[in-house]
Amino acid sequence: MLKPIIIIPSRLGSTRLQKKALKIINGQPMICHVWSNALKADLGPVVVATDSEKISNVIDAKGGNAILTDANHQSGSDRIYEALSKFDPNFSYDLIINLQGDMPIFDPEVLQNLVSKIKSEDITTLVCKANLDEISDPNVVKAVISWDKNDDDHGTALYFSRTQVPYNALTYWHHIGIYAWKRKSLKKFISFPVSNLEKTEKLEQLRALENGMIIKVVKTKDHFIGVDTQKDLNKVRNKIKNQSESN
């Protein structure tokens, strides 16, 4: 059986929303909400991989594991591999769950379900049906998928884009940026140079596809909110506030 570890890449220098990892949501920095939910999945250790002592100090103060990494990494996957190498040099963990640091609201059971679907592919990830307002939103990544003929709950990714693809589709699929990597696949991935499509779309998973890696896609009904803009942050703040008040 594969032995999981959850690693959350979180850099301070976000461009669309400055220092978003430290934005306060219901009294806590956003990265703490992500870290706390990851712990609830109870899959293995949870590590925050960051380029910032401020983020590291926040996690350390909670009693969590934070690893300082090179500020010059080209992608989150490069960052998590450095953190993995530092945290686990003895190769105790062979399944790495890359959980984005800007997803403060999610059901931890989604991670458990993702792990249960893993087979021989290099990477396993999630999609949900895109809402009408998400289809043309460049902050929402769309996935082009060849669905399994015997079980359409999963399929193989053919492409990812910030634009509306595939043309004239009846359903558009919102890619959720959570990846379960085989450790050997992650090591292989970070050995590849940044690809042309990756630079064009600003999507690191295209580096994997351009180099022939297999990405399995699993459907979920859960709709994740990735915080890329102030509008996203306001939406998340209101949702968490309402959840807190109802409890």
C-alpha atoms as a PDB file:
ATOM      1  CA  MET A   1       0.000   0.000   0.000  1.00  0.00           C
ATOM      2  CA  LEU A   2       1.081   3.549  -0.710  1.00  0.00           C
ATOM      3  CA  LYS A   3       1.998   5.673   2.301  1.00  0.00           C
ATOM      4  CA  PRO A   4       0.737   9.261   1.952  1.00  0.00           C
ATOM      5  CA  ILE A   5       2.103  12.600   3.048  1.00  0.00           C
ATOM      6  CA  ILE A   6       0.303  15.906   2.438  1.00  0.00           C
ATOM      7  CA  ILE A   7       2.466  18.855   1.378  1.00  0.00           C
ATOM      8  CA  ILE A   8       1.019  22.343   0.975  1.00  0.00           C
ATOM      9  CA  PRO A   9       3.082  24.749  -1.162  1.00  0.00           C
ATOM     10  CA  SER A  10       2.603  28.330   0.015  1.00  0.00           C
ATOM     11  CA  ARG A  11       4.667  31.258  -1.195  1.00  0.00           C
ATOM     12  CA  LEU A  12       4.399  34.817   0.055  1.00  0.00           C
ATOM     13  CA  GLY A  13       4.876  36.592  -3.275  1.00  0.00           C
ATOM     14  CA  SER A  14       1.498  35.896  -4.901  1.00  0.00           C
ATOM     15  CA  THR A  15       0.848  38.334  -7.746  1.00  0.00           C
ATOM     16  CA  ARG A  16      -2.932  38.643  -8.068  1.00  0.00           C
ATOM     17  CA  LEU A  17      -3.567  38.955  -4.320  1.00  0.00           C
ATOM     18  CA  GLN A  18      -0.544  40.111  -2.334  1.00  0.00           C
ATOM     19  CA  LYS A  19       0.483  37.922   0.633  1.00  0.00           C
ATOM     20  CA  LYS A  20      -2.741  35.958   0.329  1.00  0.00           C
ATOM     21  CA  ALA A  21      -1.507  33.050   2.474  1.00  0.00           C
ATOM     22  CA  LEU A  22      -1.523  35.392   5.480  1.00  0.00           C
ATOM     23  CA  LYS A  23      -4.888  37.038   4.793  1.00  0.00           C
ATOM     24  CA  ILE A  24      -7.062  36.732   7.896  1.00  0.00           C
ATOM     25  CA  ILE A  25     -10.216  34.639   7.597  1.00  0.00           C
ATOM     26  CA  ASN A  26     -12.360  34.316  10.716  1.00  0.00           C
ATOM     27  CA  GLY A  27      -9.420  35.238  12.947  1.00  0.00           C
ATOM     28  CA  GLN A  28      -6.851  32.917  11.348  1.00  0.00           C
ATOM     29  CA  PRO A  29      -4.414  33.285   8.420  1.00  0.00           C
ATOM     30  CA  MET A  30      -5.682  31.468   5.325  1.00  0.00           C
ATOM     31  CA  ILE A  31      -2.796  28.968   5.365  1.00  0.00           C
ATOM     32  CA  CYS A  32      -3.905  27.824   8.851  1.00  0.00           C
ATOM     33  CA  HIS A  33      -7.364  26.923   7.538  1.00  0.00           C
ATOM     34  CA  VAL A  34      -5.810  24.805   4.773  1.00  0.00           C
ATOM     35  CA  TRP A  35      -3.378  23.131   7.178  1.00  0.00           C
ATOM     36  CA  SER A  36      -6.114  22.407   9.736  1.00  0.00           C
ATOM     37  CA  ASN A  37      -8.420  20.801   7.156  1.00  0.00           C
ATOM     38  CA  ALA A  38      -5.551  18.702   5.821  1.00  0.00           C
ATOM     39  CA  LEU A  39      -4.920  17.325   9.328  1.00  0.00           C
ATOM     40  CA  LYS A  40      -8.576  16.271   9.548  1.00  0.00           C
ATOM     41  CA  ALA A  41      -8.108  13.999   6.518  1.00  0.00           C
ATOM     42  CA  ASP A  42      -5.894  11.839   8.772  1.00  0.00           C
ATOM     43  CA  LEU A  43      -3.871  10.442   5.878  1.00  0.00           C
ATOM     44  CA  GLY A  44      -0.358  11.124   7.143  1.00  0.00           C
ATOM     45  CA  PRO A  45       1.935  14.013   8.083  1.00  0.00           C
ATOM     46  CA  VAL A  46       1.007  17.493   6.870  1.00  0.00           C
ATOM     47  CA  VAL A  47       3.879  19.767   5.822  1.00  0.00           C
ATOM     48  CA  VAL A  48       3.763  23.371   4.597  1.00  0.00           C
ATOM     49  CA  ALA A  49       6.458  24.109   2.003  1.00  0.00           C
ATOM     50  CA  THR A  50       7.119  27.832   1.894  1.00  0.00           C
ATOM     51  CA  ASP A  51       9.619  30.473   0.848  1.00  0.00           C
ATOM     52  CA  SER A  52       8.633  32.739   3.734  1.00  0.00           C
ATOM     53  CA  GLU A  53       9.674  32.801   7.371  1.00  0.00           C
ATOM     54  CA  LYS A  54       6.413  34.617   8.142  1.00  0.00           C
ATOM     55  CA  ILE A  55       4.369  31.690   6.841  1.00  0.00           C
ATOM     56  CA  SER A  56       6.709  29.213   8.506  1.00  0.00           C
ATOM     57  CA  ASN A  57       6.375  30.997  11.848  1.00  0.00           C
ATOM     58  CA  VAL A  58       2.570  30.930  11.635  1.00  0.00           C
ATOM     59  CA  ILE A  59       2.550  27.151  11.141  1.00  0.00           C
ATOM     60  CA  ASP A  60       5.257  26.569  13.740  1.00  0.00           C
ATOM     61  CA  ALA A  61       3.172  28.514  16.268  1.00  0.00           C
ATOM     62  CA  LYS A  62       0.327  26.040  15.670  1.00  0.00           C
ATOM     63  CA  GLY A  63       2.643  23.120  16.352  1.00  0.00           C
ATOM     64  CA  GLY A  64       2.767  22.149  12.677  1.00  0.00           C
ATOM     65  CA  ASN A  65       5.563  21.245  10.274  1.00  0.00           C
ATOM     66  CA  ALA A  66       6.848  23.978   7.958  1.00  0.00           C
ATOM     67  CA  ILE A  67       9.855  23.639   5.651  1.00  0.00           C
ATOM     68  CA  LEU A  68      11.622  26.671   4.193  1.00  0.00           C
ATOM     69  CA  THR A  69      12.337  26.227   0.480  1.00  0.00           C
ATOM     70  CA  ASP A  70      14.071  28.118  -2.318  1.00  0.00           C
ATOM     71  CA  ALA A  71      12.209  31.289  -3.347  1.00  0.00           C
ATOM     72  CA  ASN A  72      13.119  30.748  -7.012  1.00  0.00           C
ATOM     73  CA  HIS A  73      11.110  27.589  -7.701  1.00  0.00           C
ATOM     74  CA  GLN A  74       9.158  27.722 -10.965  1.00  0.00           C
ATOM     75  CA  SER A  75       6.167  25.762  -9.663  1.00  0.00           C
ATOM     76  CA  GLY A  76       4.503  24.414  -6.551  1.00  0.00           C
ATOM     77  CA  SER A  77       5.562  20.880  -7.473  1.00  0.00           C
ATOM     78  CA  ASP A  78       9.224  21.880  -7.522  1.00  0.00           C
ATOM     79  CA  ARG A  79       8.709  23.420  -4.090  1.00  0.00           C
ATOM     80  CA  ILE A  80       7.036  20.350  -2.590  1.00  0.00           C
ATOM     81  CA  TYR A  81       9.791  18.074  -3.871  1.00  0.00           C
ATOM     82  CA  GLU A  82      12.430  20.124  -2.047  1.00  0.00           C
ATOM     83  CA  ALA A  83      10.323  20.044   1.135  1.00  0.00           C
ATOM     84  CA  LEU A  84       9.771  16.294   0.750  1.00  0.00           C
ATOM     85  CA  SER A  85      13.502  15.673   0.364  1.00  0.00           C
ATOM     86  CA  LYS A  86      14.230  17.643   3.520  1.00  0.00           C
ATOM     87  CA  PHE A  87      11.389  16.213   5.620  1.00  0.00           C
ATOM     88  CA  ASP A  88      11.686  12.605   4.447  1.00  0.00           C
ATOM     89  CA  PRO A  89      15.231  11.819   3.253  1.00  0.00           C
ATOM     90  CA  ASN A  90      14.715   8.131   4.126  1.00  0.00           C
ATOM     91  CA  PHE A  91      11.850   7.677   1.630  1.00  0.00           C
ATOM     92  CA  SER A  92       9.260   6.659   4.227  1.00  0.00           C
ATOM     93  CA  TYR A  93       6.438   8.197   2.141  1.00  0.00           C
ATOM     94  CA  ASP A  94       5.745   7.270  -1.467  1.00  0.00           C
ATOM     95  CA  LEU A  95       2.466   9.092  -2.182  1.00  0.00           C
ATOM     96  CA  ILE A  96       2.609  12.874  -2.090  1.00  0.00           C
ATOM     97  CA  ILE A  97      -0.628  14.838  -1.963  1.00  0.00           C
ATOM     98  CA  ASN A  98      -0.052  18.343  -3.261  1.00  0.00           C
ATOM     99  CA  LEU A  99      -2.741  20.468  -1.629  1.00  0.00           C
ATOM    100  CA  GLN A 100      -2.892  24.101  -2.730  1.00  0.00           C
ATOM    101  CA  GLY A 101      -2.349  26.720  -0.033  1.00  0.00           C
ATOM    102  CA  ASP A 102      -5.191  28.914  -1.295  1.00  0.00           C
ATOM    103  CA  MET A 103      -8.061  26.447  -0.744  1.00  0.00           C
ATOM    104  CA  PRO A 104      -9.229  27.184   2.803  1.00  0.00           C
ATOM    105  CA  ILE A 105     -12.599  25.404   2.482  1.00  0.00           C
ATOM    106  CA  PHE A 106     -12.862  21.721   1.627  1.00  0.00           C
ATOM    107  CA  ASP A 107     -14.231  18.490   3.053  1.00  0.00           C
ATOM    108  CA  PRO A 108     -11.265  16.367   4.240  1.00  0.00           C
ATOM    109  CA  GLU A 109     -13.107  13.257   2.992  1.00  0.00           C
ATOM    110  CA  VAL A 110     -12.422  14.459  -0.563  1.00  0.00           C
ATOM    111  CA  LEU A 111      -8.717  13.750   0.009  1.00  0.00           C
ATOM    112  CA  GLN A 112      -9.502  10.305   1.392  1.00  0.00           C
ATOM    113  CA  ASN A 113     -11.644   9.544  -1.662  1.00  0.00           C
ATOM    114  CA  LEU A 114      -8.896  10.747  -4.008  1.00  0.00           C
ATOM    115  CA  VAL A 115      -6.380   8.393  -2.414  1.00  0.00           C
ATOM    116  CA  SER A 116      -8.814   5.468  -2.707  1.00  0.00           C
ATOM    117  CA  LYS A 117      -8.969   5.919  -6.518  1.00  0.00           C
ATOM    118  CA  ILE A 118      -5.225   5.768  -7.160  1.00  0.00           C
ATOM    119  CA  LYS A 119      -3.877   2.993  -9.362  1.00  0.00           C
ATOM    120  CA  SER A 120      -0.947   2.968 -11.807  1.00  0.00           C
ATOM    121  CA  GLU A 121      -1.082   6.543 -13.146  1.00  0.00           C
ATOM    122  CA  ASP A 122       1.659   9.090 -12.428  1.00  0.00           C
ATOM    123  CA  ILE A 123      -0.705  11.716 -11.020  1.00  0.00           C
ATOM    124  CA  THR A 124      -4.309  11.638  -9.822  1.00  0.00           C
ATOM    125  CA  THR A 125      -6.347  14.837  -9.584  1.00  0.00           C
ATOM    126  CA  LEU A 126      -9.928  16.104  -9.243  1.00  0.00           C
ATOM    127  CA  VAL A 127     -12.542  17.902 -11.333  1.00  0.00           C
ATOM    128  CA  CYS A 128     -16.088  19.087 -10.773  1.00  0.00           C
ATOM    129  CA  LYS A 129     -18.689  20.519 -13.146  1.00  0.00           C
ATOM    130  CA  ALA A 130     -17.980  24.169 -13.900  1.00  0.00           C
ATOM    131  CA  ASN A 131     -20.679  26.710 -13.077  1.00  0.00           C
ATOM    132  CA  LEU A 132     -21.867  28.954 -15.880  1.00  0.00           C
ATOM    133  CA  ASP A 133     -19.861  31.933 -14.606  1.00  0.00           C
ATOM    134  CA  GLU A 134     -16.696  29.842 -14.336  1.00  0.00           C
ATOM    135  CA  ILE A 135     -16.582  28.677 -17.954  1.00  0.00           C
ATOM    136  CA  SER A 136     -15.154  31.946 -19.288  1.00  0.00           C
ATOM    137  CA  ASP A 137     -13.210  32.848 -16.114  1.00  0.00           C
ATOM    138  CA  PRO A 138      -9.429  32.529 -16.742  1.00  0.00           C
ATOM    139  CA  ASN A 139      -8.852  31.988 -13.012  1.00  0.00           C
ATOM    140  CA  VAL A 140     -10.819  28.729 -13.305  1.00  0.00           C
ATOM    141  CA  VAL A 141      -8.822  26.026 -15.103  1.00  0.00           C
ATOM    142  CA  LYS A 142     -10.793  23.798 -17.471  1.00  0.00           C
ATOM    143  CA  ALA A 143      -9.845  20.169 -18.102  1.00  0.00           C
ATOM    144  CA  VAL A 144     -10.214  18.248 -21.362  1.00  0.00           C
ATOM    145  CA  ILE A 145     -10.797  14.615 -20.423  1.00  0.00           C
ATOM    146  CA  SER A 146     -11.107  11.257 -22.141  1.00  0.00           C
ATOM    147  CA  TRP A 147     -13.595   9.513 -19.848  1.00  0.00           C
ATOM    148  CA  ASP A 148     -13.308   5.823 -19.071  1.00  0.00           C
ATOM    149  CA  LYS A 149     -15.822   3.871 -21.172  1.00  0.00           C
ATOM    150  CA  ASN A 150     -16.656   1.488 -18.336  1.00  0.00           C
ATOM    151  CA  ASP A 151     -16.725   3.976 -15.452  1.00  0.00           C
ATOM    152  CA  ASP A 152     -17.270   7.642 -16.277  1.00  0.00           C
ATOM    153  CA  ASP A 153     -16.437   8.759 -12.747  1.00  0.00           C
ATOM    154  CA  HIS A 154     -12.836   8.936 -13.879  1.00  0.00           C
ATOM    155  CA  GLY A 155     -10.798   9.417 -17.034  1.00  0.00           C
ATOM    156  CA  THR A 156      -7.470  10.567 -18.451  1.00  0.00           C
ATOM    157  CA  ALA A 157      -6.545  14.233 -18.834  1.00  0.00           C
ATOM    158  CA  LEU A 158      -5.697  15.323 -22.376  1.00  0.00           C
ATOM    159  CA  TYR A 159      -5.217  19.053 -21.747  1.00  0.00           C
ATOM    160  CA  PHE A 160      -5.816  21.872 -19.274  1.00  0.00           C
ATOM    161  CA  SER A 161      -6.525  25.490 -20.144  1.00  0.00           C
ATOM    162  CA  ARG A 162      -7.649  28.794 -18.692  1.00  0.00           C
ATOM    163  CA  THR A 163      -9.833  29.296 -21.732  1.00  0.00           C
ATOM    164  CA  GLN A 164     -13.149  27.652 -22.650  1.00  0.00           C
ATOM    165  CA  VAL A 165     -12.268  24.138 -23.826  1.00  0.00           C
ATOM    166  CA  PRO A 166     -13.244  21.881 -25.448  1.00  0.00           C
ATOM    167  CA  TYR A 167     -15.161  23.947 -27.990  1.00  0.00           C
ATOM    168  CA  ASN A 168     -18.946  23.459 -27.973  1.00  0.00           C
ATOM    169  CA  ALA A 169     -18.915  21.095 -24.988  1.00  0.00           C
ATOM    170  CA  LEU A 170     -22.160  20.302 -23.178  1.00  0.00           C
ATOM    171  CA  THR A 171     -20.287  20.179 -19.865  1.00  0.00           C
ATOM    172  CA  TYR A 172     -17.126  22.001 -18.872  1.00  0.00           C
ATOM    173  CA  TRP A 173     -14.926  20.565 -16.164  1.00  0.00           C
ATOM    174  CA  HIS A 174     -13.396  22.760 -13.473  1.00  0.00           C
ATOM    175  CA  HIS A 175      -9.990  21.404 -12.512  1.00  0.00           C
ATOM    176  CA  ILE A 176      -9.350  21.363  -8.772  1.00  0.00           C
ATOM    177  CA  GLY A 177      -5.643  21.882  -8.144  1.00  0.00           C
ATOM    178  CA  ILE A 178      -5.073  18.951  -5.812  1.00  0.00           C
ATOM    179  CA  TYR A 179      -2.613  16.312  -7.021  1.00  0.00           C
ATOM    180  CA  ALA A 180      -1.686  12.899  -5.683  1.00  0.00           C
ATOM    181  CA  TRP A 181       1.798  12.087  -6.966  1.00  0.00           C
ATOM    182  CA  LYS A 182       3.674   8.830  -6.934  1.00  0.00           C
ATOM    183  CA  ARG A 183       7.018   9.827  -5.451  1.00  0.00           C
ATOM    184  CA  LYS A 184       9.005   8.480  -8.399  1.00  0.00           C
ATOM    185  CA  SER A 185       6.727  10.415 -10.770  1.00  0.00           C
ATOM    186  CA  LEU A 186       7.255  13.658  -8.870  1.00  0.00           C
ATOM    187  CA  LYS A 187      11.028  13.137  -8.994  1.00  0.00           C
ATOM    188  CA  LYS A 188      10.776  12.550 -12.743  1.00  0.00           C
ATOM    189  CA  PHE A 189       8.582  15.632 -13.221  1.00  0.00           C
ATOM    190  CA  ILE A 190      10.915  18.081 -11.524  1.00  0.00           C
ATOM    191  CA  SER A 191      13.785  16.856 -13.717  1.00  0.00           C
ATOM    192  CA  PHE A 192      12.006  18.239 -16.800  1.00  0.00           C
ATOM    193  CA  PRO A 193      12.567  21.859 -17.840  1.00  0.00           C
ATOM    194  CA  VAL A 194       9.626  24.249 -17.789  1.00  0.00           C
ATOM    195  CA  SER A 195       7.649  23.467 -20.944  1.00  0.00           C
ATOM    196  CA  ASN A 196       6.322  25.815 -23.619  1.00  0.00           C
ATOM    197  CA  LEU A 197       2.673  25.112 -22.863  1.00  0.00           C
ATOM    198  CA  GLU A 198       3.309  25.492 -19.151  1.00  0.00           C
ATOM    199  CA  LYS A 199       4.735  28.968 -19.755  1.00  0.00           C
ATOM    200  CA  THR A 200       1.922  29.895 -22.138  1.00  0.00           C
ATOM    201  CA  GLU A 201      -0.999  28.834 -19.930  1.00  0.00           C
ATOM    202  CA  LYS A 202       0.845  29.272 -16.599  1.00  0.00           C
ATOM    203  CA  LEU A 203      -0.228  25.734 -15.666  1.00  0.00           C
ATOM    204  CA  GLU A 204       2.464  23.377 -14.384  1.00  0.00           C
ATOM    205  CA  GLN A 205       0.456  20.198 -15.091  1.00  0.00           C
ATOM    206  CA  LEU A 206       1.026  20.821 -18.798  1.00  0.00           C
ATOM    207  CA  ARG A 207       4.727  20.091 -18.221  1.00  0.00           C
ATOM    208  CA  ALA A 208       3.693  16.588 -17.166  1.00  0.00           C
ATOM    209  CA  LEU A 209       1.460  16.062 -20.207  1.00  0.00           C
ATOM    210  CA  GLU A 210       4.073  17.389 -22.630  1.00  0.00           C
ATOM    211  CA  ASN A 211       6.503  14.801 -21.272  1.00  0.00           C
ATOM    212  CA  GLY A 212       4.119  11.861 -21.640  1.00  0.00           C
ATOM    213  CA  MET A 213       3.050  11.489 -18.008  1.00  0.00           C
ATOM    214  CA  ILE A 214      -0.397  10.059 -17.251  1.00  0.00           C
ATOM    215  CA  ILE A 215      -2.808  12.221 -15.258  1.00  0.00           C
ATOM    216  CA  LYS A 216      -5.920  10.450 -13.997  1.00  0.00           C
ATOM    217  CA  VAL A 217      -8.940  12.668 -13.333  1.00  0.00           C
ATOM    218  CA  VAL A 218     -11.620  11.802 -10.769  1.00  0.00           C
ATOM    219  CA  LYS A 219     -15.013  13.517 -10.526  1.00  0.00           C
ATOM    220  CA  THR A 220     -16.169  15.110  -7.292  1.00  0.00           C
ATOM    221  CA  LYS A 221     -19.397  16.931  -6.478  1.00  0.00           C
ATOM    222  CA  ASP A 222     -17.577  19.257  -4.087  1.00  0.00           C
ATOM    223  CA  HIS A 223     -16.967  22.759  -5.412  1.00  0.00           C
ATOM    224  CA  PHE A 224     -13.723  24.227  -4.135  1.00  0.00           C
ATOM    225  CA  ILE A 225     -13.030  27.960  -3.941  1.00  0.00           C
ATOM    226  CA  GLY A 226      -9.460  28.837  -4.819  1.00  0.00           C
ATOM    227  CA  VAL A 227      -8.539  32.304  -3.543  1.00  0.00           C
ATOM    228  CA  ASP A 228      -6.925  34.204  -6.416  1.00  0.00           C
ATOM    229  CA  THR A 229      -8.557  37.618  -6.085  1.00  0.00           C
ATOM    230  CA  GLN A 230     -10.051  39.933  -3.451  1.00  0.00           C
ATOM    231  CA  LYS A 231     -13.487  38.838  -4.681  1.00  0.00           C
ATOM    232  CA  ASP A 232     -12.602  35.206  -3.948  1.00  0.00           C
ATOM    233  CA  LEU A 233     -11.303  36.176  -0.514  1.00  0.00           C
ATOM    234  CA  ASN A 234     -14.518  38.027   0.321  1.00  0.00           C
ATOM    235  CA  LYS A 235     -16.556  35.020  -0.776  1.00  0.00           C
ATOM    236  CA  VAL A 236     -14.537  32.648   1.420  1.00  0.00           C
ATOM    237  CA  ARG A 237     -14.677  35.009   4.401  1.00  0.00           C
ATOM    238  CA  ASN A 238     -18.468  35.204   4.172  1.00  0.00           C
ATOM    239  CA  LYS A 239     -18.846  31.446   3.786  1.00  0.00           C
ATOM    240  CA  ILE A 240     -16.615  30.584   6.760  1.00  0.00           C
ATOM    241  CA  LYS A 241     -18.290  33.304   8.868  1.00  0.00           C
ATOM    242  CA  ASN A 242     -21.731  31.880   8.078  1.00  0.00           C
ATOM    243  CA  GLN A 243     -20.550  28.337   8.870  1.00  0.00           C
ATOM    244  CA  SER A 244     -19.104  29.522  12.185  1.00  0.00           C
ATOM    245  CA  GLU A 245     -22.288  31.345  13.156  1.00  0.00           C
ATOM    246  CA  SER A 246     -24.501  28.353  12.265  1.00  0.00           C
ATOM    247  CA  ASN A 247     -22.387  26.109  14.524  1.00  0.00           C
END
